[in-house]
N, C-alpha and C. Protein backbone atom coordinates (compact mmCIF):
# COMPACT_ATOMS: atom_id res chain seq x y z
N MET A 1 -22.89 -27.58 -11.90
CA MET A 1 -23.04 -25.93 -11.71
C MET A 1 -21.95 -25.34 -10.79
N THR A 2 -21.47 -24.33 -11.23
CA THR A 2 -21.05 -23.16 -10.21
C THR A 2 -21.48 -22.46 -9.20
N GLU A 3 -21.11 -22.44 -8.33
CA GLU A 3 -21.83 -21.88 -7.30
C GLU A 3 -21.18 -19.96 -7.43
N ARG A 4 -22.28 -19.54 -7.08
CA ARG A 4 -22.16 -17.85 -7.84
C ARG A 4 -21.97 -17.16 -6.08
N ARG A 5 -21.50 -16.60 -6.18
CA ARG A 5 -21.11 -15.57 -4.96
C ARG A 5 -21.87 -13.92 -5.46
N THR A 6 -22.68 -13.28 -4.33
CA THR A 6 -22.85 -12.09 -4.33
C THR A 6 -21.89 -11.04 -3.73
N VAL A 7 -21.81 -10.11 -4.88
CA VAL A 7 -20.59 -9.15 -4.80
C VAL A 7 -21.46 -7.86 -4.52
N ARG A 8 -21.65 -6.78 -4.02
CA ARG A 8 -22.35 -5.39 -3.74
C ARG A 8 -21.22 -4.58 -3.97
N MET A 9 -21.61 -3.28 -4.74
CA MET A 9 -20.75 -2.20 -4.60
C MET A 9 -21.50 -1.38 -3.84
N VAL A 10 -20.84 -0.58 -2.87
CA VAL A 10 -21.29 0.24 -1.74
C VAL A 10 -20.90 1.28 -1.92
N THR A 11 -21.75 2.71 -2.60
CA THR A 11 -21.69 4.14 -2.91
C THR A 11 -20.81 4.83 -1.43
N ASN A 12 -19.47 4.79 -2.16
CA ASN A 12 -18.51 5.34 -0.97
C ASN A 12 -18.36 4.59 0.09
N GLY A 13 -18.04 3.30 -0.33
CA GLY A 13 -17.77 2.24 0.89
C GLY A 13 -17.14 1.04 0.16
N PRO A 14 -17.47 -0.03 0.61
CA PRO A 14 -16.46 -1.11 0.37
C PRO A 14 -17.03 -2.28 -0.35
N ILE A 15 -16.20 -2.95 -0.85
CA ILE A 15 -16.85 -3.97 -2.19
C ILE A 15 -17.22 -5.46 -0.96
N MET A 16 -18.68 -5.19 -1.11
CA MET A 16 -19.21 -6.49 -0.01
C MET A 16 -18.93 -7.99 -0.91
N VAL A 17 -18.66 -8.74 -0.21
CA VAL A 17 -18.28 -9.99 -0.75
C VAL A 17 -18.70 -11.20 0.32
N GLU A 18 -19.76 -11.83 -0.32
CA GLU A 18 -20.60 -13.23 0.50
C GLU A 18 -19.06 -14.21 0.75
N GLY A 19 -19.01 -14.16 1.69
CA GLY A 19 -17.58 -15.11 1.74
C GLY A 19 -18.04 -16.98 2.42
N PRO A 20 -16.96 -17.58 2.76
CA PRO A 20 -15.82 -16.91 2.85
C PRO A 20 -15.41 -16.43 1.72
N VAL A 21 -13.85 -16.07 2.01
CA VAL A 21 -13.16 -15.31 0.71
C VAL A 21 -11.57 -15.70 0.74
N ARG A 22 -10.99 -15.69 -0.09
CA ARG A 22 -9.76 -16.37 -0.31
C ARG A 22 -9.08 -14.63 -1.12
N VAL A 23 -8.78 -13.89 -0.80
CA VAL A 23 -8.17 -12.69 -1.81
C VAL A 23 -6.53 -13.34 -2.36
N GLU A 24 -6.11 -12.87 -3.55
CA GLU A 24 -4.82 -13.23 -4.25
C GLU A 24 -4.26 -11.72 -4.77
N MET A 25 -3.31 -11.19 -3.48
CA MET A 25 -2.75 -10.13 -4.11
C MET A 25 -1.69 -9.66 -5.12
N PRO A 26 -1.81 -8.62 -5.76
CA PRO A 26 -0.79 -8.81 -7.05
C PRO A 26 0.78 -9.38 -6.64
N SER A 27 1.18 -9.19 -5.22
CA SER A 27 2.39 -9.41 -4.82
C SER A 27 2.37 -11.23 -4.09
N GLY A 28 1.61 -11.73 -4.31
CA GLY A 28 1.31 -13.23 -4.06
C GLY A 28 0.93 -13.71 -3.30
N GLU A 29 1.05 -12.12 -2.11
CA GLU A 29 -0.16 -12.98 -0.86
C GLU A 29 -1.01 -12.90 -0.47
N VAL A 30 -1.64 -13.92 0.23
CA VAL A 30 -2.86 -14.69 0.17
C VAL A 30 -3.83 -14.34 1.54
N VAL A 31 -4.93 -13.44 1.20
CA VAL A 31 -5.49 -12.77 2.34
C VAL A 31 -6.76 -13.80 2.55
N GLU A 32 -7.17 -14.72 3.61
CA GLU A 32 -8.45 -15.47 3.97
C GLU A 32 -9.19 -14.46 5.00
N SER A 33 -10.56 -14.80 4.85
CA SER A 33 -11.47 -14.88 5.56
C SER A 33 -12.95 -15.55 5.34
N ASP A 34 -13.02 -16.54 7.15
CA ASP A 34 -13.76 -17.21 6.77
C ASP A 34 -15.56 -16.57 7.24
N ARG A 35 -15.32 -15.35 7.26
CA ARG A 35 -16.72 -14.51 7.45
C ARG A 35 -17.65 -14.80 6.44
N PHE A 36 -19.12 -15.04 6.88
CA PHE A 36 -20.12 -14.77 6.06
C PHE A 36 -19.96 -13.73 5.06
N MET A 37 -20.12 -12.51 5.40
CA MET A 37 -19.85 -11.21 4.61
C MET A 37 -18.55 -10.59 4.75
N VAL A 38 -17.94 -10.45 3.71
CA VAL A 38 -16.62 -9.68 4.22
C VAL A 38 -16.33 -8.74 3.04
N ALA A 39 -16.06 -7.19 3.87
CA ALA A 39 -16.10 -6.16 3.32
C ALA A 39 -14.50 -5.80 2.70
N LEU A 40 -14.67 -5.71 1.60
CA LEU A 40 -12.92 -5.10 0.58
C LEU A 40 -12.64 -3.94 0.69
N CYS A 41 -11.94 -3.54 1.19
CA CYS A 41 -11.28 -1.67 0.78
C CYS A 41 -11.42 -1.54 -0.78
N ALA A 42 -12.41 -0.61 -1.18
CA ALA A 42 -12.17 -0.01 -2.39
C ALA A 42 -11.56 1.63 -2.68
N CYS A 43 -10.90 1.94 -1.38
CA CYS A 43 -10.65 3.42 -1.26
C CYS A 43 -8.59 3.32 -0.91
N LYS A 44 -8.50 2.05 -0.55
CA LYS A 44 -7.12 1.73 -0.12
C LYS A 44 -6.63 2.70 1.09
N ARG A 45 -7.44 3.39 1.78
CA ARG A 45 -7.11 3.90 2.80
C ARG A 45 -6.91 3.11 4.29
N SER A 46 -7.63 1.77 4.34
CA SER A 46 -7.75 0.70 5.00
C SER A 46 -6.05 0.18 5.70
N LYS A 47 -5.71 -0.18 7.04
CA LYS A 47 -4.84 -0.21 7.72
C LYS A 47 -4.57 -1.38 7.63
N THR A 48 -5.96 -2.59 7.26
CA THR A 48 -5.84 -3.68 7.12
C THR A 48 -6.07 -3.86 5.12
N PHE A 49 -5.82 -3.36 4.60
CA PHE A 49 -5.77 -3.54 3.17
C PHE A 49 -5.55 -4.81 2.81
N PRO A 50 -6.26 -5.78 2.00
CA PRO A 50 -7.47 -5.40 1.45
C PRO A 50 -8.86 -5.49 1.94
N LEU A 51 -8.82 -5.90 3.42
CA LEU A 51 -10.08 -5.74 4.18
C LEU A 51 -10.21 -4.51 4.60
N CYS A 52 -11.37 -4.18 4.69
CA CYS A 52 -11.84 -2.66 4.87
C CYS A 52 -11.70 -2.67 6.45
N ASP A 53 -11.36 -1.15 7.27
CA ASP A 53 -11.43 -0.73 8.60
C ASP A 53 -12.26 0.38 8.48
N THR A 54 -13.13 0.73 7.24
CA THR A 54 -14.05 1.74 8.05
C THR A 54 -12.89 2.99 7.64
N SER A 55 -11.99 3.29 7.04
CA SER A 55 -11.44 4.33 7.02
C SER A 55 -12.09 5.26 6.18
N HIS A 56 -12.91 4.42 4.93
CA HIS A 56 -13.40 5.83 4.25
C HIS A 56 -14.36 6.60 4.73
N ARG A 57 -14.88 6.40 6.09
CA ARG A 57 -15.71 7.39 6.75
C ARG A 57 -14.83 8.49 6.97
N ARG A 58 -13.55 8.36 7.39
CA ARG A 58 -12.85 9.47 7.63
C ARG A 58 -12.39 10.13 6.48
N ARG A 59 -12.79 11.64 6.62
CA ARG A 59 -12.39 12.40 5.25
C ARG A 59 -11.89 13.64 5.88
N VAL A 60 -10.56 14.05 5.26
CA VAL A 60 -10.08 15.07 5.66
C VAL A 60 -10.56 16.34 4.80
N ARG A 61 -10.78 17.29 5.38
CA ARG A 61 -11.81 18.61 4.83
C ARG A 61 -10.86 19.81 4.45
N ALA A 62 -10.50 20.16 3.12
CA ALA A 62 -9.97 21.33 3.26
C ALA A 62 -10.58 22.16 3.76
N GLY A 63 -9.51 23.30 4.16
CA GLY A 63 -9.84 24.41 4.80
C GLY A 63 -10.23 25.24 3.98
């Protein structure tokens, strides 16, 4: 039987994945995390993309 992982979509936030994870990027780059819960960036603002750095919390307000 295949082990299932839980993936949780957070409204206006990251995609939470039970770790550890191995993320294969379209470029071929591989990003790994051994943490028990991993936040993947959904807004592409993160300086550590594909991992979330909470950049989604900072919003620029139109004047």
